[in-house]
C-alpha cells in the first residue's frame, strides 16, 4: 500500500505544474515530508509570487477528499478539466503548504 501511494504521489507531482500569472513555467522548491503513517505534507516555495497552482487533470473526488490546503486564503478548486489551488481575489503568494 505504501509503495502504491508513493507511486501515485510521484505521478501526480509529475503531472502538476506551477505557473506564474503569465502562464510561463516557474521554478519551485518542493519539499514532501512524511509526517504520519498515512499522512504527507507538501511545501512549495515559488521563484516568483503566484496566484494559483495548476495540478493538471482532476482525479475524481480524490483531491477534494484527501488533500487539505494549509495556507490561509488558498483553496482547492475543481474546474471542468483540471484542479487548481488558488489564492483568489488577485492575491499573490510566494509559498504554499498542504
PDB file of N, CA and C in Angstrom:
ATOM      1  N   UNK A   1       0.824  -1.187   0.000  1.00  0.00           N
ATOM      2  CA  UNK A   1       0.000   0.000   0.000  1.00  0.00           C
ATOM      3  C   UNK A   1       0.872   1.256   0.000  1.00  0.00           C
ATOM      4  N   UNK A   2       1.912   1.253   0.837  1.00  0.00           N
ATOM      5  CA  UNK A   2       2.798   2.409   0.915  1.00  0.00           C
ATOM      6  C   UNK A   2       3.466   2.673  -0.429  1.00  0.00           C
ATOM      7  N   UNK A   3       3.923   1.606  -1.073  1.00  0.00           N
ATOM      8  CA  UNK A   3       4.582   1.757  -2.371  1.00  0.00           C
ATOM      9  C   UNK A   3       3.605   2.315  -3.403  1.00  0.00           C
ATOM     10  N   UNK A   4       2.350   1.847  -3.399  1.00  0.00           N
ATOM     11  CA  UNK A   4       1.333   2.340  -4.318  1.00  0.00           C
ATOM     12  C   UNK A   4       1.085   3.828  -4.091  1.00  0.00           C
ATOM     13  N   UNK A   5       0.984   4.245  -2.835  1.00  0.00           N
ATOM     14  CA  UNK A   5       0.773   5.666  -2.526  1.00  0.00           C
ATOM     15  C   UNK A   5       1.937   6.507  -3.028  1.00  0.00           C
ATOM     16  N   UNK A   6       3.158   6.017  -2.845  1.00  0.00           N
ATOM     17  CA  UNK A   6       4.331   6.762  -3.311  1.00  0.00           C
ATOM     18  C   UNK A   6       4.342   6.878  -4.834  1.00  0.00           C
ATOM     19  N   UNK A   7       3.974   5.800  -5.521  1.00  0.00           N
ATOM     20  CA  UNK A   7       3.929   5.829  -6.984  1.00  0.00           C
ATOM     21  C   UNK A   7       2.870   6.808  -7.462  1.00  0.00           C
ATOM     22  N   UNK A   8       1.680   6.754  -6.863  1.00  0.00           N
ATOM     23  CA  UNK A   8       0.601   7.669  -7.248  1.00  0.00           C
ATOM     24  C   UNK A   8       0.979   9.118  -6.960  1.00  0.00           C
ATOM     25  N   UNK A   9       1.619   9.351  -5.822  1.00  0.00           N
ATOM     26  CA  UNK A   9       2.045  10.699  -5.494  1.00  0.00           C
ATOM     27  C   UNK A   9       3.074  11.198  -6.503  1.00  0.00           C
ATOM     28  N   UNK A  10       4.001  10.345  -6.893  1.00  0.00           N
ATOM     29  CA  UNK A  10       5.002  10.714  -7.894  1.00  0.00           C
ATOM     30  C   UNK A  10       4.361  11.073  -9.218  1.00  0.00           C
ATOM     31  N   UNK A  11       3.376  10.285  -9.639  1.00  0.00           N
ATOM     32  CA  UNK A  11       2.673  10.568 -10.893  1.00  0.00           C
ATOM     33  C   UNK A  11       1.950  11.908 -10.810  1.00  0.00           C
ATOM     34  N   UNK A  12       1.291  12.173  -9.686  1.00  0.00           N
ATOM     35  CA  UNK A  12       0.587  13.442  -9.515  1.00  0.00           C
ATOM     36  C   UNK A  12       1.550  14.624  -9.549  1.00  0.00           C
ATOM     37  N   UNK A  13       2.712  14.456  -8.926  1.00  0.00           N
ATOM     38  CA  UNK A  13       3.688  15.544  -8.918  1.00  0.00           C
ATOM     39  C   UNK A  13       4.235  15.802 -10.313  1.00  0.00           C
ATOM     40  N   UNK A  14       4.469  14.738 -11.065  1.00  0.00           N
ATOM     41  CA  UNK A  14       4.967  14.916 -12.423  1.00  0.00           C
ATOM     42  C   UNK A  14       3.927  15.594 -13.309  1.00  0.00           C
ATOM     43  N   UNK A  15       2.660  15.350 -13.035  1.00  0.00           N
ATOM     44  CA  UNK A  15       1.594  15.901 -13.862  1.00  0.00           C
ATOM     45  C   UNK A  15       1.263  17.344 -13.488  1.00  0.00           C
ATOM     46  N   UNK A  16       1.665  17.771 -12.288  1.00  0.00           N
ATOM     47  CA  UNK A  16       1.302  19.120 -11.876  1.00  0.00           C
ATOM     48  C   UNK A  16       2.357  20.132 -12.310  1.00  0.00           C
ATOM     49  N   UNK A  17       1.909  21.335 -12.509  1.00  0.00           N
ATOM     50  CA  UNK A  17       2.774  22.431 -12.920  1.00  0.00           C
ATOM     51  C   UNK A  17       2.474  23.635 -12.055  1.00  0.00           C
ATOM     52  N   UNK A  18       3.505  24.410 -11.806  1.00  0.00           N
ATOM     53  CA  UNK A  18       3.320  25.682 -11.134  1.00  0.00           C
ATOM     54  C   UNK A  18       3.491  26.752 -12.190  1.00  0.00           C
ATOM     55  N   UNK A  19       2.526  27.648 -12.310  1.00  0.00           N
ATOM     56  CA  UNK A  19       2.576  28.665 -13.357  1.00  0.00           C
ATOM     57  C   UNK A  19       2.418  30.054 -12.745  1.00  0.00           C
ATOM     58  N   UNK A  20       3.150  30.988 -13.293  1.00  0.00           N
ATOM     59  CA  UNK A  20       3.002  32.389 -12.905  1.00  0.00           C
ATOM     60  C   UNK A  20       1.773  32.945 -13.600  1.00  0.00           C
ATOM     61  N   UNK A  21       1.433  34.184 -13.310  1.00  0.00           N
ATOM     62  CA  UNK A  21       0.247  34.788 -13.899  1.00  0.00           C
ATOM     63  C   UNK A  21       0.310  34.778 -15.427  1.00  0.00           C
ATOM     64  N   UNK A  22       1.507  34.806 -16.003  1.00  0.00           N
ATOM     65  CA  UNK A  22       1.658  34.816 -17.453  1.00  0.00           C
ATOM     66  C   UNK A  22       1.598  33.415 -18.050  1.00  0.00           C
ATOM     67  N   UNK A  23       1.310  32.409 -17.267  1.00  0.00           N
ATOM     68  CA  UNK A  23       1.232  31.008 -17.699  1.00  0.00           C
ATOM     69  C   UNK A  23       2.574  30.493 -18.199  1.00  0.00           C
ATOM     70  N   UNK A  24       3.669  31.041 -17.697  1.00  0.00           N
ATOM     71  CA  UNK A  24       5.014  30.587 -18.022  1.00  0.00           C
ATOM     72  C   UNK A  24       5.458  29.622 -16.933  1.00  0.00           C
ATOM     73  N   UNK A  25       6.059  28.481 -17.297  1.00  0.00           N
ATOM     74  CA  UNK A  25       6.557  27.570 -16.255  1.00  0.00           C
ATOM     75  C   UNK A  25       7.486  28.317 -15.288  1.00  0.00           C
ATOM     76  N   UNK A  26       7.403  27.982 -14.026  1.00  0.00           N
ATOM     77  CA  UNK A  26       8.109  28.695 -12.977  1.00  0.00           C
ATOM     78  C   UNK A  26       8.864  27.713 -12.097  1.00  0.00           C
ATOM     79  N   UNK A  27      10.078  28.056 -11.723  1.00  0.00           N
ATOM     80  CA  UNK A  27      10.839  27.214 -10.813  1.00  0.00           C
ATOM     81  C   UNK A  27      10.191  27.236  -9.437  1.00  0.00           C
ATOM     82  N   UNK A  28      10.194  26.079  -8.794  1.00  0.00           N
ATOM     83  CA  UNK A  28       9.602  25.972  -7.460  1.00  0.00           C
ATOM     84  C   UNK A  28      10.445  25.009  -6.627  1.00  0.00           C
ATOM     85  N   UNK A  29      10.632  25.350  -5.359  1.00  0.00           N
ATOM     86  CA  UNK A  29      11.275  24.438  -4.412  1.00  0.00           C
ATOM     87  C   UNK A  29      10.146  23.641  -3.773  1.00  0.00           C
ATOM     88  N   UNK A  30      10.237  22.320  -3.838  1.00  0.00           N
ATOM     89  CA  UNK A  30       9.174  21.454  -3.341  1.00  0.00           C
ATOM     90  C   UNK A  30       9.746  20.518  -2.291  1.00  0.00           C
ATOM     91  N   UNK A  31       9.093  20.454  -1.139  1.00  0.00           N
ATOM     92  CA  UNK A  31       9.528  19.555  -0.063  1.00  0.00           C
ATOM     93  C   UNK A  31       8.337  18.696   0.347  1.00  0.00           C
ATOM     94  N   UNK A  32       8.512  17.386   0.309  1.00  0.00           N
ATOM     95  CA  UNK A  32       7.467  16.446   0.710  1.00  0.00           C
ATOM     96  C   UNK A  32       7.932  15.752   1.988  1.00  0.00           C
ATOM     97  N   UNK A  33       7.136  15.869   3.043  1.00  0.00           N
ATOM     98  CA  UNK A  33       7.504  15.320   4.343  1.00  0.00           C
ATOM     99  C   UNK A  33       6.497  14.267   4.777  1.00  0.00           C
ATOM    100  N   UNK A  34       6.981  13.107   5.165  1.00  0.00           N
ATOM    101  CA  UNK A  34       6.133  12.024   5.680  1.00  0.00           C
ATOM    102  C   UNK A  34       5.944  12.284   7.174  1.00  0.00           C
ATOM    103  N   UNK A  35       4.751  12.707   7.590  1.00  0.00           N
ATOM    104  CA  UNK A  35       4.542  13.112   8.977  1.00  0.00           C
ATOM    105  C   UNK A  35       3.780  12.084   9.822  1.00  0.00           C
ATOM    106  N   UNK A  36       3.170  11.113   9.186  1.00  0.00           N
ATOM    107  CA  UNK A  36       2.450  10.044   9.883  1.00  0.00           C
ATOM    108  C   UNK A  36       2.312   8.868   8.921  1.00  0.00           C
ATOM    109  N   UNK A  37       1.924   7.679   9.403  1.00  0.00           N
ATOM    110  CA  UNK A  37       1.863   6.508   8.515  1.00  0.00           C
ATOM    111  C   UNK A  37       1.108   6.735   7.202  1.00  0.00           C
ATOM    112  N   UNK A  38       0.009   7.438   7.228  1.00  0.00           N
ATOM    113  CA  UNK A  38      -0.764   7.690   6.017  1.00  0.00           C
ATOM    114  C   UNK A  38      -0.957   9.182   5.768  1.00  0.00           C
ATOM    115  N   UNK A  39       0.020   9.985   6.190  1.00  0.00           N
ATOM    116  CA  UNK A  39      -0.123  11.427   6.043  1.00  0.00           C
ATOM    117  C   UNK A  39       1.182  12.055   5.565  1.00  0.00           C
ATOM    118  N   UNK A  40       1.041  12.960   4.592  1.00  0.00           N
ATOM    119  CA  UNK A  40       2.175  13.652   3.994  1.00  0.00           C
ATOM    120  C   UNK A  40       1.909  15.143   4.032  1.00  0.00           C
ATOM    121  N   UNK A  41       2.981  15.928   4.055  1.00  0.00           N
ATOM    122  CA  UNK A  41       2.857  17.384   3.961  1.00  0.00           C
ATOM    123  C   UNK A  41       3.688  17.846   2.778  1.00  0.00           C
ATOM    124  N   UNK A  42       3.091  18.677   1.929  1.00  0.00           N
ATOM    125  CA  UNK A  42       3.785  19.237   0.773  1.00  0.00           C
ATOM    126  C   UNK A  42       3.965  20.732   0.992  1.00  0.00           C
ATOM    127  N   UNK A  43       5.204  21.201   0.836  1.00  0.00           N
ATOM    128  CA  UNK A  43       5.508  22.622   0.966  1.00  0.00           C
ATOM    129  C   UNK A  43       6.120  23.111  -0.341  1.00  0.00           C
ATOM    130  N   UNK A  44       5.594  24.214  -0.852  1.00  0.00           N
ATOM    131  CA  UNK A  44       6.071  24.823  -2.093  1.00  0.00           C
ATOM    132  C   UNK A  44       6.612  26.217  -1.777  1.00  0.00           C
ATOM    133  N   UNK A  45       7.764  26.568  -2.355  1.00  0.00           N
ATOM    134  CA  UNK A  45       8.281  27.934  -2.302  1.00  0.00           C
ATOM    135  C   UNK A  45       8.554  28.316  -3.753  1.00  0.00           C
ATOM    136  N   UNK A  46       7.918  29.385  -4.215  1.00  0.00           N
ATOM    137  CA  UNK A  46       7.958  29.777  -5.613  1.00  0.00           C
ATOM    138  C   UNK A  46       9.058  30.800  -5.893  1.00  0.00           C
ATOM    139  N   UNK A  47       9.653  30.725  -7.092  1.00  0.00           N
ATOM    140  CA  UNK A  47      10.683  31.684  -7.502  1.00  0.00           C
ATOM    141  C   UNK A  47      10.092  33.088  -7.636  1.00  0.00           C
ATOM    142  N   UNK A  48       8.824  33.170  -8.001  1.00  0.00           N
ATOM    143  CA  UNK A  48       8.097  34.438  -8.111  1.00  0.00           C
ATOM    144  C   UNK A  48       6.727  34.217  -7.477  1.00  0.00           C
ATOM    145  N   UNK A  49       6.109  35.264  -6.957  1.00  0.00           N
ATOM    146  CA  UNK A  49       4.758  35.101  -6.405  1.00  0.00           C
ATOM    147  C   UNK A  49       3.779  34.576  -7.461  1.00  0.00           C
ATOM    148  N   UNK A  50       2.842  33.741  -7.025  1.00  0.00           N
ATOM    149  CA  UNK A  50       1.849  33.137  -7.919  1.00  0.00           C
ATOM    150  C   UNK A  50       0.444  33.382  -7.380  1.00  0.00           C
ATOM    151  N   UNK A  51      -0.543  33.252  -8.266  1.00  0.00           N
ATOM    152  CA  UNK A  51      -1.941  33.333  -7.841  1.00  0.00           C
ATOM    153  C   UNK A  51      -2.581  31.952  -7.778  1.00  0.00           C
ATOM    154  N   UNK A  52      -1.957  30.949  -8.453  1.00  0.00           N
ATOM    155  CA  UNK A  52      -2.540  29.610  -8.423  1.00  0.00           C
ATOM    156  C   UNK A  52      -1.508  28.551  -8.784  1.00  0.00           C
ATOM    157  N   UNK A  53      -1.848  27.314  -8.440  1.00  0.00           N
ATOM    158  CA  UNK A  53      -1.052  26.139  -8.791  1.00  0.00           C
ATOM    159  C   UNK A  53      -1.949  25.236  -9.623  1.00  0.00           C
ATOM    160  N   UNK A  54      -1.566  24.976 -10.850  1.00  0.00           N
ATOM    161  CA  UNK A  54      -2.326  24.104 -11.748  1.00  0.00           C
ATOM    162  C   UNK A  54      -1.892  22.666 -11.468  1.00  0.00           C
ATOM    163  N   UNK A  55      -2.793  21.863 -10.921  1.00  0.00           N
ATOM    164  CA  UNK A  55      -2.481  20.479 -10.577  1.00  0.00           C
ATOM    165  C   UNK A  55      -2.729  19.511 -11.730  1.00  0.00           C
ATOM    166  N   UNK A  56      -3.176  20.019 -12.858  1.00  0.00           N
ATOM    167  CA  UNK A  56      -3.437  19.159 -14.003  1.00  0.00           C
ATOM    168  C   UNK A  56      -4.838  18.574 -13.936  1.00  0.00           C
ATOM    169  N   UNK A  57      -5.093  17.575 -14.770  1.00  0.00           N
ATOM    170  CA  UNK A  57      -6.435  16.966 -14.816  1.00  0.00           C
ATOM    171  C   UNK A  57      -6.873  16.455 -13.449  1.00  0.00           C
ATOM    172  N   UNK A  58      -8.161  16.603 -13.175  1.00  0.00           N
ATOM    173  CA  UNK A  58      -8.715  16.112 -11.922  1.00  0.00           C
ATOM    174  C   UNK A  58      -8.645  14.590 -11.831  1.00  0.00           C
ATOM    175  N   UNK A  59      -8.661  14.099 -10.610  1.00  0.00           N
ATOM    176  CA  UNK A  59      -8.640  12.654 -10.363  1.00  0.00           C
ATOM    177  C   UNK A  59      -9.879  12.278  -9.542  1.00  0.00           C
ATOM    178  N   UNK A  60     -11.033  12.571 -10.137  1.00  0.00           N
ATOM    179  CA  UNK A  60     -12.295  12.293  -9.453  1.00  0.00           C
ATOM    180  C   UNK A  60     -12.420  13.124  -8.187  1.00  0.00           C
ATOM    181  N   UNK A  61     -12.852  12.513  -7.116  1.00  0.00           N
ATOM    182  CA  UNK A  61     -13.018  13.192  -5.832  1.00  0.00           C
ATOM    183  C   UNK A  61     -11.789  13.058  -4.942  1.00  0.00           C
ATOM    184  N   UNK A  62     -10.721  12.416  -5.451  1.00  0.00           N
ATOM    185  CA  UNK A  62      -9.554  12.124  -4.612  1.00  0.00           C
ATOM    186  C   UNK A  62      -8.985  13.366  -3.923  1.00  0.00           C
ATOM    187  N   UNK A  63      -8.636  14.385  -4.701  1.00  0.00           N
ATOM    188  CA  UNK A  63      -8.021  15.572  -4.097  1.00  0.00           C
ATOM    189  C   UNK A  63      -8.980  16.260  -3.122  1.00  0.00           C
ATOM    190  N   UNK A  64     -10.239  16.373  -3.503  1.00  0.00           N
ATOM    191  CA  UNK A  64     -11.230  17.025  -2.646  1.00  0.00           C
ATOM    192  C   UNK A  64     -11.351  16.304  -1.300  1.00  0.00           C
ATOM    193  N   UNK A  65     -11.308  14.986  -1.328  1.00  0.00           N
ATOM    194  CA  UNK A  65     -11.433  14.179  -0.107  1.00  0.00           C
ATOM    195  C   UNK A  65     -10.138  14.110   0.692  1.00  0.00           C
ATOM    196  N   UNK A  66      -9.003  14.029   0.008  1.00  0.00           N
ATOM    197  CA  UNK A  66      -7.748  13.684   0.671  1.00  0.00           C
ATOM    198  C   UNK A  66      -6.768  14.827   0.890  1.00  0.00           C
ATOM    199  N   UNK A  67      -6.884  15.894   0.149  1.00  0.00           N
ATOM    200  CA  UNK A  67      -5.927  16.990   0.262  1.00  0.00           C
ATOM    201  C   UNK A  67      -6.514  18.103   1.120  1.00  0.00           C
ATOM    202  N   UNK A  68      -5.669  18.711   1.932  1.00  0.00           N
ATOM    203  CA  UNK A  68      -6.081  19.827   2.780  1.00  0.00           C
ATOM    204  C   UNK A  68      -5.072  20.955   2.592  1.00  0.00           C
ATOM    205  N   UNK A  69      -5.521  22.076   2.092  1.00  0.00           N
ATOM    206  CA  UNK A  69      -4.648  23.230   1.893  1.00  0.00           C
ATOM    207  C   UNK A  69      -4.455  23.905   3.250  1.00  0.00           C
ATOM    208  N   UNK A  70      -3.196  24.081   3.649  1.00  0.00           N
ATOM    209  CA  UNK A  70      -2.890  24.660   4.953  1.00  0.00           C
ATOM    210  C   UNK A  70      -2.627  26.164   4.898  1.00  0.00           C
ATOM    211  N   UNK A  71      -2.326  26.687   3.732  1.00  0.00           N
ATOM    212  CA  UNK A  71      -2.016  28.109   3.597  1.00  0.00           C
ATOM    213  C   UNK A  71      -3.298  28.933   3.672  1.00  0.00           C
ATOM    214  N   UNK A  72      -3.393  29.842   4.640  1.00  0.00           N
ATOM    215  CA  UNK A  72      -4.602  30.669   4.761  1.00  0.00           C
ATOM    216  C   UNK A  72      -4.893  31.427   3.462  1.00  0.00           C
ATOM    217  N   UNK A  73      -6.153  31.443   3.089  1.00  0.00           N
ATOM    218  CA  UNK A  73      -6.577  32.172   1.906  1.00  0.00           C
ATOM    219  C   UNK A  73      -6.500  31.386   0.609  1.00  0.00           C
ATOM    220  N   UNK A  74      -5.903  30.210   0.627  1.00  0.00           N
ATOM    221  CA  UNK A  74      -5.834  29.383  -0.582  1.00  0.00           C
ATOM    222  C   UNK A  74      -6.862  28.270  -0.479  1.00  0.00           C
ATOM    223  N   UNK A  75      -7.387  27.848  -1.646  1.00  0.00           N
ATOM    224  CA  UNK A  75      -8.359  26.752  -1.647  1.00  0.00           C
ATOM    225  C   UNK A  75      -8.199  25.904  -2.901  1.00  0.00           C
ATOM    226  N   UNK A  76      -8.576  24.662  -2.786  1.00  0.00           N
ATOM    227  CA  UNK A  76      -8.572  23.721  -3.909  1.00  0.00           C
ATOM    228  C   UNK A  76      -9.882  23.875  -4.672  1.00  0.00           C
ATOM    229  N   UNK A  77      -9.781  24.059  -5.991  1.00  0.00           N
ATOM    230  CA  UNK A  77     -10.962  24.232  -6.829  1.00  0.00           C
ATOM    231  C   UNK A  77     -10.923  23.231  -7.977  1.00  0.00           C
ATOM    232  N   UNK A  78     -12.019  22.503  -8.180  1.00  0.00           N
ATOM    233  CA  UNK A  78     -12.131  21.575  -9.303  1.00  0.00           C
ATOM    234  C   UNK A  78     -12.775  22.310 -10.470  1.00  0.00           C
ATOM    235  N   UNK A  79     -12.005  22.513 -11.535  1.00  0.00           N
ATOM    236  CA  UNK A  79     -12.518  23.111 -12.769  1.00  0.00           C
ATOM    237  C   UNK A  79     -12.966  21.979 -13.691  1.00  0.00           C
ATOM    238  N   UNK A  80     -13.649  22.268 -14.783  1.00  0.00           N
ATOM    239  CA  UNK A  80     -14.117  21.190 -15.660  1.00  0.00           C
ATOM    240  C   UNK A  80     -13.004  20.259 -16.169  1.00  0.00           C
ATOM    241  N   UNK A  81     -11.813  20.802 -16.426  1.00  0.00           N
ATOM    242  CA  UNK A  81     -10.765  19.964 -16.998  1.00  0.00           C
ATOM    243  C   UNK A  81      -9.525  19.817 -16.123  1.00  0.00           C
ATOM    244  N   UNK A  82      -9.505  20.444 -14.943  1.00  0.00           N
ATOM    245  CA  UNK A  82      -8.312  20.371 -14.092  1.00  0.00           C
ATOM    246  C   UNK A  82      -8.614  20.841 -12.678  1.00  0.00           C
ATOM    247  N   UNK A  83      -7.683  20.534 -11.767  1.00  0.00           N
ATOM    248  CA  UNK A  83      -7.779  21.008 -10.393  1.00  0.00           C
ATOM    249  C   UNK A  83      -6.747  22.115 -10.193  1.00  0.00           C
ATOM    250  N   UNK A  84      -7.125  23.120  -9.414  1.00  0.00           N
ATOM    251  CA  UNK A  84      -6.266  24.275  -9.186  1.00  0.00           C
ATOM    252  C   UNK A  84      -6.310  24.640  -7.706  1.00  0.00           C
ATOM    253  N   UNK A  85      -5.156  24.984  -7.150  1.00  0.00           N
ATOM    254  CA  UNK A  85      -5.104  25.580  -5.825  1.00  0.00           C
ATOM    255  C   UNK A  85      -4.860  27.057  -6.061  1.00  0.00           C
ATOM    256  N   UNK A  86      -5.763  27.911  -5.577  1.00  0.00           N
ATOM    257  CA  UNK A  86      -5.653  29.338  -5.858  1.00  0.00           C
ATOM    258  C   UNK A  86      -5.778  30.196  -4.630  1.00  0.00           C
ATOM    259  N   UNK A  87      -5.207  31.401  -4.744  1.00  0.00           N
ATOM    260  CA  UNK A  87      -5.261  32.370  -3.652  1.00  0.00           C
ATOM    261  C   UNK A  87      -6.524  33.211  -3.721  1.00  0.00           C
ATOM    262  N   UNK A  88      -7.096  33.336  -4.914  1.00  0.00           N
ATOM    263  CA  UNK A  88      -8.337  34.100  -5.076  1.00  0.00           C
ATOM    264  C   UNK A  88      -8.139  35.591  -4.943  1.00  0.00           C
ATOM    265  N   UNK A  89      -9.062  36.342  -5.469  1.00  0.00           N
ATOM    266  CA  UNK A  89      -9.119  37.802  -5.367  1.00  0.00           C
ATOM    267  C   UNK A  89      -7.809  38.484  -5.753  1.00  0.00           C
ATOM    268  N   UNK A  90      -7.071  37.910  -6.706  1.00  0.00           N
ATOM    269  CA  UNK A  90      -5.853  38.524  -7.196  1.00  0.00           C
ATOM    270  C   UNK A  90      -4.690  38.522  -6.211  1.00  0.00           C
ATOM    271  N   UNK A  91      -4.802  37.760  -5.141  1.00  0.00           N
ATOM    272  CA  UNK A  91      -3.717  37.673  -4.161  1.00  0.00           C
ATOM    273  C   UNK A  91      -2.544  36.914  -4.747  1.00  0.00           C
ATOM    274  N   UNK A  92      -1.348  37.328  -4.454  1.00  0.00           N
ATOM    275  CA  UNK A  92      -0.143  36.625  -4.862  1.00  0.00           C
ATOM    276  C   UNK A  92       0.515  36.005  -3.635  1.00  0.00           C
ATOM    277  N   UNK A  93       1.000  34.791  -3.794  1.00  0.00           N
ATOM    278  CA  UNK A  93       1.670  34.100  -2.692  1.00  0.00           C
ATOM    279  C   UNK A  93       3.043  33.618  -3.133  1.00  0.00           C
ATOM    280  N   UNK A  94       3.997  33.607  -2.214  1.00  0.00           N
ATOM    281  CA  UNK A  94       5.343  33.130  -2.542  1.00  0.00           C
ATOM    282  C   UNK A  94       5.579  31.731  -2.004  1.00  0.00           C
ATOM    283  N   UNK A  95       4.618  31.199  -1.230  1.00  0.00           N
ATOM    284  CA  UNK A  95       4.738  29.829  -0.728  1.00  0.00           C
ATOM    285  C   UNK A  95       3.356  29.263  -0.442  1.00  0.00           C
ATOM    286  N   UNK A  96       3.283  27.945  -0.348  1.00  0.00           N
ATOM    287  CA  UNK A  96       2.015  27.273  -0.036  1.00  0.00           C
ATOM    288  C   UNK A  96       2.321  25.936   0.617  1.00  0.00           C
ATOM    289  N   UNK A  97       1.397  25.460   1.442  1.00  0.00           N
ATOM    290  CA  UNK A  97       1.555  24.175   2.117  1.00  0.00           C
ATOM    291  C   UNK A  97       0.232  23.435   2.122  1.00  0.00           C
ATOM    292  N   UNK A  98       0.339  22.129   2.119  1.00  0.00           N
ATOM    293  CA  UNK A  98      -0.856  21.310   2.168  1.00  0.00           C
ATOM    294  C   UNK A  98      -0.547  19.895   2.559  1.00  0.00           C
TER     295      UNK A  98
END
